[in-house]
Structure formats: C-alpha cells, structure tokens
C-alpha cells in the first residue's frame, strides 16, 4: 500500500517508514509529489493532523498519513504544544531544531519542574472525504535536561531525558528510540488500526 505522508520532515519520514515497514506500507513525502504544506491553524494535535491528512489525500488522490507532534511542558501549562516547530521564533531565533532547544533551555532556566512529554497524533485517511479517520496518539513522558546530551535523533531528543533508561532520546539506539518514542507508540497503535480496519 502506498500512502502520502503529509510532512516534509526527513527525520519523520525515516522514522515512520521504518515503523510501517512490517505492513508493506510505502510512505511518500508530499514534497516528492509536489504537494505544498497545509495550513495548521488549530490548537490541538488531532485537528492539525486531520487537516494535513485531508489536504495531502485531496491533492494526491492517495490514502494519507499525517502526524502532528510536539512538546508539552508541564511548567508552561502544556505549551509549546502545536507551536513546537516554531517555538524558537517566539524568542527572536530562526526556525530550527537547534534554536528550539536553545530557546527551551533558556525559558526553563531556574525552573524546578522539568516534567514534559513528547506527544504524537497520527491520522490516516483512505481518501480526503473518509468519514472514519484512523487516529492514534502516543505519549513519551520525561524530564527536560539542563543541557543537550547525545547526538542521535532530531527535535528535542537531546534534552528529553527518560528516567527508565537513564538517558535522553538522543543517546538511545534508533531501534530503542523507535520502540519508546511518542511517534513509535502512535505508529504501533496505527498499525493495529490499519490491520483491523483496512487490511482484513
């Protein structure tokens, strides 16, 4: 099965392609099909993921998979949430992973409550008008470190410390990260939904 991935993020594509390989699903980035990014005006992950999946399915004519993910920091009332990708721009930095990490650590300076969770919501549609979208959410709780640790992964991986491993996501081997990440958890749930609803 061929699905258009409603994202241009190469890290996301690689991670999701590995996770969906057991189903024989081929993910194609929307950029590779000449599809522009959809607007994301909503305040929740599920609404944005649904908007992105509908847009990609409508333009491509293919079934679509979209992921909306972000960092939810307890001390900030769950923010940056859906604004995670642009977090650094609120503080005068250019958009980008390194700047997001820098801005987060600056904003958390002196903060004793370091609890946070990476959250991923995946939405899959058979078509743009699919009345029954498949929805799967994964959550990876942890603690924000005082400084980046590790050189693997992307996004907030270097500052997301997982107490059960005693390491950040950026220190974990890819297969361990994928098994325990927010996106990994959401993808496993989505695989089960696809098997049950689409492939039987």
C-alpha atoms as a PDB file:
ATOM      1  CA  UNK A   1       0.000   0.000   0.000  1.00  0.00           C
ATOM      2  CA  UNK A   2       1.246   3.470  -0.899  1.00  0.00           C
ATOM      3  CA  UNK A   3       0.457   6.349   1.455  1.00  0.00           C
ATOM      4  CA  UNK A   4       1.315  10.006   1.082  1.00  0.00           C
ATOM      5  CA  UNK A   5       2.965  11.337   4.240  1.00  0.00           C
ATOM      6  CA  UNK A   6       1.664  14.824   4.935  1.00  0.00           C
ATOM      7  CA  UNK A   7       5.055  16.081   6.071  1.00  0.00           C
ATOM      8  CA  UNK A   8       8.281  17.287   4.501  1.00  0.00           C
ATOM      9  CA  UNK A   9      10.362  16.368   7.568  1.00  0.00           C
ATOM     10  CA  UNK A  10      13.018  13.822   6.502  1.00  0.00           C
ATOM     11  CA  UNK A  11      13.528  12.654  10.095  1.00  0.00           C
ATOM     12  CA  UNK A  12       9.825  11.912  10.444  1.00  0.00           C
ATOM     13  CA  UNK A  13       9.759  10.070   7.102  1.00  0.00           C
ATOM     14  CA  UNK A  14      12.701   7.833   8.028  1.00  0.00           C
ATOM     15  CA  UNK A  15      11.262   7.079  11.475  1.00  0.00           C
ATOM     16  CA  UNK A  16       7.751   6.328  10.212  1.00  0.00           C
ATOM     17  CA  UNK A  17       8.951   4.335   7.173  1.00  0.00           C
ATOM     18  CA  UNK A  18      10.885   2.000   9.490  1.00  0.00           C
ATOM     19  CA  UNK A  19       7.867   1.643  11.766  1.00  0.00           C
ATOM     20  CA  UNK A  20       5.431   0.927   8.926  1.00  0.00           C
ATOM     21  CA  UNK A  21       7.716  -1.478   7.023  1.00  0.00           C
ATOM     22  CA  UNK A  22       6.109  -4.607   8.622  1.00  0.00           C
ATOM     23  CA  UNK A  23       2.797  -3.778   6.883  1.00  0.00           C
ATOM     24  CA  UNK A  24       4.426  -3.358   3.491  1.00  0.00           C
ATOM     25  CA  UNK A  25       3.392   0.299   3.508  1.00  0.00           C
ATOM     26  CA  UNK A  26       5.410   2.671   1.348  1.00  0.00           C
ATOM     27  CA  UNK A  27       5.370   6.266   2.549  1.00  0.00           C
ATOM     28  CA  UNK A  28       5.917   9.029   0.003  1.00  0.00           C
ATOM     29  CA  UNK A  29       6.655  12.550   1.233  1.00  0.00           C
ATOM     30  CA  UNK A  30       4.123  15.082  -0.027  1.00  0.00           C
ATOM     31  CA  UNK A  31       7.004  17.296  -1.221  1.00  0.00           C
ATOM     32  CA  UNK A  32       8.102  14.500  -3.571  1.00  0.00           C
ATOM     33  CA  UNK A  33       4.639  14.693  -5.165  1.00  0.00           C
ATOM     34  CA  UNK A  34       4.771  18.494  -5.429  1.00  0.00           C
ATOM     35  CA  UNK A  35       2.170  18.984  -2.689  1.00  0.00           C
ATOM     36  CA  UNK A  36       2.577  22.165  -0.610  1.00  0.00           C
ATOM     37  CA  UNK A  37       2.203  22.059   3.172  1.00  0.00           C
ATOM     38  CA  UNK A  38      -1.308  22.538   4.545  1.00  0.00           C
ATOM     39  CA  UNK A  39      -2.164  25.392   6.914  1.00  0.00           C
ATOM     40  CA  UNK A  40      -2.194  24.335  10.587  1.00  0.00           C
ATOM     41  CA  UNK A  41      -4.458  26.897  12.265  1.00  0.00           C
ATOM     42  CA  UNK A  42      -5.775  24.646  15.017  1.00  0.00           C
ATOM     43  CA  UNK A  43      -4.825  24.456  18.713  1.00  0.00           C
ATOM     44  CA  UNK A  44      -4.840  20.657  19.071  1.00  0.00           C
ATOM     45  CA  UNK A  45      -2.644  17.964  17.539  1.00  0.00           C
ATOM     46  CA  UNK A  46      -5.619  15.948  16.278  1.00  0.00           C
ATOM     47  CA  UNK A  47      -7.228  18.849  14.397  1.00  0.00           C
ATOM     48  CA  UNK A  48      -3.952  19.789  12.702  1.00  0.00           C
ATOM     49  CA  UNK A  49      -3.128  16.175  11.787  1.00  0.00           C
ATOM     50  CA  UNK A  50      -6.604  15.735  10.287  1.00  0.00           C
ATOM     51  CA  UNK A  51      -6.284  18.966   8.268  1.00  0.00           C
ATOM     52  CA  UNK A  52      -2.861  17.875   6.948  1.00  0.00           C
ATOM     53  CA  UNK A  53      -4.061  14.359   6.042  1.00  0.00           C
ATOM     54  CA  UNK A  54      -7.164  15.678   4.238  1.00  0.00           C
ATOM     55  CA  UNK A  55      -5.080  18.166   2.255  1.00  0.00           C
ATOM     56  CA  UNK A  56      -2.497  15.550   1.185  1.00  0.00           C
ATOM     57  CA  UNK A  57      -5.188  12.993   0.275  1.00  0.00           C
ATOM     58  CA  UNK A  58      -7.213  15.540  -1.701  1.00  0.00           C
ATOM     59  CA  UNK A  59      -4.261  16.788  -3.764  1.00  0.00           C
ATOM     60  CA  UNK A  60      -2.581  13.383  -4.302  1.00  0.00           C
ATOM     61  CA  UNK A  61      -5.626  11.132  -4.678  1.00  0.00           C
ATOM     62  CA  UNK A  62      -3.813   8.648  -2.412  1.00  0.00           C
ATOM     63  CA  UNK A  63      -4.569   7.470   1.109  1.00  0.00           C
ATOM     64  CA  UNK A  64      -2.746   9.796   3.508  1.00  0.00           C
ATOM     65  CA  UNK A  65      -0.971   9.676   6.835  1.00  0.00           C
ATOM     66  CA  UNK A  66      -0.298  12.803   8.865  1.00  0.00           C
ATOM     67  CA  UNK A  67       1.483  13.326  12.137  1.00  0.00           C
ATOM     68  CA  UNK A  68       1.169  16.350  14.354  1.00  0.00           C
ATOM     69  CA  UNK A  69       3.546  16.230  17.257  1.00  0.00           C
ATOM     70  CA  UNK A  70       5.041  18.488  19.822  1.00  0.00           C
ATOM     71  CA  UNK A  71       6.488  19.025  23.225  1.00  0.00           C
ATOM     72  CA  UNK A  72       4.120  19.650  26.135  1.00  0.00           C
ATOM     73  CA  UNK A  73       5.915  21.178  29.129  1.00  0.00           C
ATOM     74  CA  UNK A  74       4.144  20.941  32.487  1.00  0.00           C
ATOM     75  CA  UNK A  75       5.604  24.200  33.821  1.00  0.00           C
ATOM     76  CA  UNK A  76       4.236  26.029  30.752  1.00  0.00           C
ATOM     77  CA  UNK A  77       0.714  24.605  31.024  1.00  0.00           C
ATOM     78  CA  UNK A  78       1.324  22.130  28.196  1.00  0.00           C
ATOM     79  CA  UNK A  79       2.933  24.603  25.803  1.00  0.00           C
ATOM     80  CA  UNK A  80       4.536  24.865  23.278  1.00  0.00           C
ATOM     81  CA  UNK A  81       2.256  22.039  22.083  1.00  0.00           C
ATOM     82  CA  UNK A  82       1.134  22.647  18.492  1.00  0.00           C
ATOM     83  CA  UNK A  83       3.561  25.590  18.222  1.00  0.00           C
ATOM     84  CA  UNK A  84       6.598  23.381  18.884  1.00  0.00           C
ATOM     85  CA  UNK A  85       8.091  23.601  15.369  1.00  0.00           C
ATOM     86  CA  UNK A  86       8.105  27.404  15.568  1.00  0.00           C
ATOM     87  CA  UNK A  87       8.963  27.657  19.259  1.00  0.00           C
ATOM     88  CA  UNK A  88      12.307  29.426  18.730  1.00  0.00           C
ATOM     89  CA  UNK A  89      10.743  32.156  16.584  1.00  0.00           C
ATOM     90  CA  UNK A  90       8.809  33.444  19.633  1.00  0.00           C
ATOM     91  CA  UNK A  91      12.156  34.400  21.155  1.00  0.00           C
ATOM     92  CA  UNK A  92      13.829  36.014  18.167  1.00  0.00           C
ATOM     93  CA  UNK A  93      15.580  32.924  16.771  1.00  0.00           C
ATOM     94  CA  UNK A  94      15.193  31.399  13.330  1.00  0.00           C
ATOM     95  CA  UNK A  95      13.043  28.263  12.999  1.00  0.00           C
ATOM     96  CA  UNK A  96      15.061  25.083  13.567  1.00  0.00           C
ATOM     97  CA  UNK A  97      15.724  22.196  15.936  1.00  0.00           C
ATOM     98  CA  UNK A  98      18.905  23.634  17.479  1.00  0.00           C
ATOM     99  CA  UNK A  99      17.279  27.001  18.106  1.00  0.00           C
ATOM    100  CA  UNK A 100      14.179  25.341  19.578  1.00  0.00           C
ATOM    101  CA  UNK A 101      16.395  23.501  22.062  1.00  0.00           C
ATOM    102  CA  UNK A 102      18.316  26.691  22.887  1.00  0.00           C
ATOM    103  CA  UNK A 103      15.102  28.688  23.441  1.00  0.00           C
ATOM    104  CA  UNK A 104      13.578  25.941  25.603  1.00  0.00           C
ATOM    105  CA  UNK A 105      16.631  25.695  27.859  1.00  0.00           C
ATOM    106  CA  UNK A 106      16.700  29.490  28.228  1.00  0.00           C
ATOM    107  CA  UNK A 107      12.997  29.584  29.153  1.00  0.00           C
ATOM    108  CA  UNK A 108      13.437  26.718  31.630  1.00  0.00           C
ATOM    109  CA  UNK A 109      16.433  28.255  33.367  1.00  0.00           C
ATOM    110  CA  UNK A 110      15.758  28.207  37.122  1.00  0.00           C
ATOM    111  CA  UNK A 111      12.624  26.092  36.651  1.00  0.00           C
ATOM    112  CA  UNK A 112      12.463  23.198  39.127  1.00  0.00           C
ATOM    113  CA  UNK A 113       9.517  21.375  37.479  1.00  0.00           C
ATOM    114  CA  UNK A 114      11.247  19.764  34.481  1.00  0.00           C
ATOM    115  CA  UNK A 115       8.385  17.376  33.576  1.00  0.00           C
ATOM    116  CA  UNK A 116       7.402  17.252  29.909  1.00  0.00           C
ATOM    117  CA  UNK A 117       6.024  14.869  27.322  1.00  0.00           C
ATOM    118  CA  UNK A 118       6.573  14.452  23.622  1.00  0.00           C
ATOM    119  CA  UNK A 119       3.171  13.783  22.057  1.00  0.00           C
ATOM    120  CA  UNK A 120       2.370  12.466  18.579  1.00  0.00           C
ATOM    121  CA  UNK A 121      -1.057  12.168  16.984  1.00  0.00           C
ATOM    122  CA  UNK A 122      -1.258  10.196  13.742  1.00  0.00           C
ATOM    123  CA  UNK A 123      -4.262  10.392  11.444  1.00  0.00           C
ATOM    124  CA  UNK A 124      -4.770   8.125   8.424  1.00  0.00           C
ATOM    125  CA  UNK A 125      -7.425   8.559   5.734  1.00  0.00           C
ATOM    126  CA  UNK A 126      -8.417   6.331   2.816  1.00  0.00           C
ATOM    127  CA  UNK A 127      -9.492   9.491   0.962  1.00  0.00           C
ATOM    128  CA  UNK A 128      -9.964  13.187   1.698  1.00  0.00           C
ATOM    129  CA  UNK A 129     -13.653  12.534   2.476  1.00  0.00           C
ATOM    130  CA  UNK A 130     -13.110   9.437   4.640  1.00  0.00           C
ATOM    131  CA  UNK A 131     -15.793   9.707   7.364  1.00  0.00           C
ATOM    132  CA  UNK A 132     -13.873   7.359   9.664  1.00  0.00           C
ATOM    133  CA  UNK A 133     -10.287   8.570  10.029  1.00  0.00           C
ATOM    134  CA  UNK A 134      -7.943   6.318  11.960  1.00  0.00           C
ATOM    135  CA  UNK A 135      -6.482   8.189  14.949  1.00  0.00           C
ATOM    136  CA  UNK A 136      -3.613   7.050  17.159  1.00  0.00           C
ATOM    137  CA  UNK A 137      -1.844   9.031  19.865  1.00  0.00           C
ATOM    138  CA  UNK A 138       1.444   8.243  21.567  1.00  0.00           C
ATOM    139  CA  UNK A 139       2.993   9.971  24.561  1.00  0.00           C
ATOM    140  CA  UNK A 140       6.557   9.796  25.871  1.00  0.00           C
ATOM    141  CA  UNK A 141       6.889  11.466  29.273  1.00  0.00           C
ATOM    142  CA  UNK A 142      10.239  12.534  30.636  1.00  0.00           C
ATOM    143  CA  UNK A 143      12.273  15.394  32.079  1.00  0.00           C
ATOM    144  CA  UNK A 144      13.944  18.332  30.348  1.00  0.00           C
ATOM    145  CA  UNK A 145      17.711  18.245  30.922  1.00  0.00           C
ATOM    146  CA  UNK A 146      19.818  21.282  31.832  1.00  0.00           C
ATOM    147  CA  UNK A 147      21.841  20.916  28.598  1.00  0.00           C
ATOM    148  CA  UNK A 148      21.713  18.808  25.406  1.00  0.00           C
ATOM    149  CA  UNK A 149      23.045  15.248  25.770  1.00  0.00           C
ATOM    150  CA  UNK A 150      23.596  12.816  22.873  1.00  0.00           C
ATOM    151  CA  UNK A 151      23.937  13.173  19.119  1.00  0.00           C
ATOM    152  CA  UNK A 152      21.230  10.926  17.657  1.00  0.00           C
ATOM    153  CA  UNK A 153      17.667  11.785  16.662  1.00  0.00           C
ATOM    154  CA  UNK A 154      16.233  15.217  15.962  1.00  0.00           C
ATOM    155  CA  UNK A 155      13.995  17.866  17.500  1.00  0.00           C
ATOM    156  CA  UNK A 156      14.023  17.874  21.295  1.00  0.00           C
ATOM    157  CA  UNK A 157      15.643  14.407  21.539  1.00  0.00           C
ATOM    158  CA  UNK A 158      18.886  15.777  23.117  1.00  0.00           C
ATOM    159  CA  UNK A 159      17.025  17.403  26.040  1.00  0.00           C
ATOM    160  CA  UNK A 160      14.315  14.784  26.627  1.00  0.00           C
ATOM    161  CA  UNK A 161      15.571  12.581  29.478  1.00  0.00           C
ATOM    162  CA  UNK A 162      13.824   9.257  30.042  1.00  0.00           C
ATOM    163  CA  UNK A 163      14.180   8.123  33.677  1.00  0.00           C
ATOM    164  CA  UNK A 164      13.501   4.450  32.811  1.00  0.00           C
ATOM    165  CA  UNK A 165      16.599   4.402  30.561  1.00  0.00           C
ATOM    166  CA  UNK A 166      18.687   6.982  32.412  1.00  0.00           C
ATOM    167  CA  UNK A 167      19.348   8.589  29.007  1.00  0.00           C
ATOM    168  CA  UNK A 168      17.965  11.153  26.593  1.00  0.00           C
ATOM    169  CA  UNK A 169      16.303  10.082  23.349  1.00  0.00           C
ATOM    170  CA  UNK A 170      19.425  11.366  21.551  1.00  0.00           C
ATOM    171  CA  UNK A 171      21.555   8.774  23.395  1.00  0.00           C
ATOM    172  CA  UNK A 172      19.409   5.760  22.543  1.00  0.00           C
ATOM    173  CA  UNK A 173      19.989   3.401  19.595  1.00  0.00           C
ATOM    174  CA  UNK A 174      17.423   4.024  16.834  1.00  0.00           C
ATOM    175  CA  UNK A 175      15.517   0.785  17.434  1.00  0.00           C
ATOM    176  CA  UNK A 176      15.176   1.517  21.176  1.00  0.00           C
ATOM    177  CA  UNK A 177      14.097   5.098  20.488  1.00  0.00           C
ATOM    178  CA  UNK A 178      11.520   3.987  17.906  1.00  0.00           C
ATOM    179  CA  UNK A 179      10.104   1.425  20.330  1.00  0.00           C
ATOM    180  CA  UNK A 180       9.634   4.003  23.090  1.00  0.00           C
ATOM    181  CA  UNK A 181       9.133   7.356  21.379  1.00  0.00           C
ATOM    182  CA  UNK A 182       5.821   9.171  21.168  1.00  0.00           C
ATOM    183  CA  UNK A 183       5.826   8.577  17.402  1.00  0.00           C
ATOM    184  CA  UNK A 184       6.769   4.914  17.861  1.00  0.00           C
ATOM    185  CA  UNK A 185       3.889   4.364  20.274  1.00  0.00           C
ATOM    186  CA  UNK A 186       1.426   6.151  17.981  1.00  0.00           C
ATOM    187  CA  UNK A 187       2.699   4.226  14.933  1.00  0.00           C
ATOM    188  CA  UNK A 188       2.232   0.852  16.660  1.00  0.00           C
ATOM    189  CA  UNK A 189      -1.352   1.760  17.529  1.00  0.00           C
ATOM    190  CA  UNK A 190      -1.914   2.976  13.953  1.00  0.00           C
ATOM    191  CA  UNK A 191      -0.519  -0.285  12.530  1.00  0.00           C
ATOM    192  CA  UNK A 192      -3.034  -2.235  14.601  1.00  0.00           C
ATOM    193  CA  UNK A 193      -5.885   0.018  13.431  1.00  0.00           C
ATOM    194  CA  UNK A 194      -4.845  -0.341   9.786  1.00  0.00           C
ATOM    195  CA  UNK A 195      -4.599  -4.135  10.095  1.00  0.00           C
ATOM    196  CA  UNK A 196      -8.018  -4.302  11.734  1.00  0.00           C
ATOM    197  CA  UNK A 197      -9.907  -1.765   9.585  1.00  0.00           C
ATOM    198  CA  UNK A 198      -8.174  -1.524   6.224  1.00  0.00           C
ATOM    199  CA  UNK A 199      -6.364  -4.787   5.593  1.00  0.00           C
ATOM    200  CA  UNK A 200      -8.749  -7.517   6.758  1.00  0.00           C
END
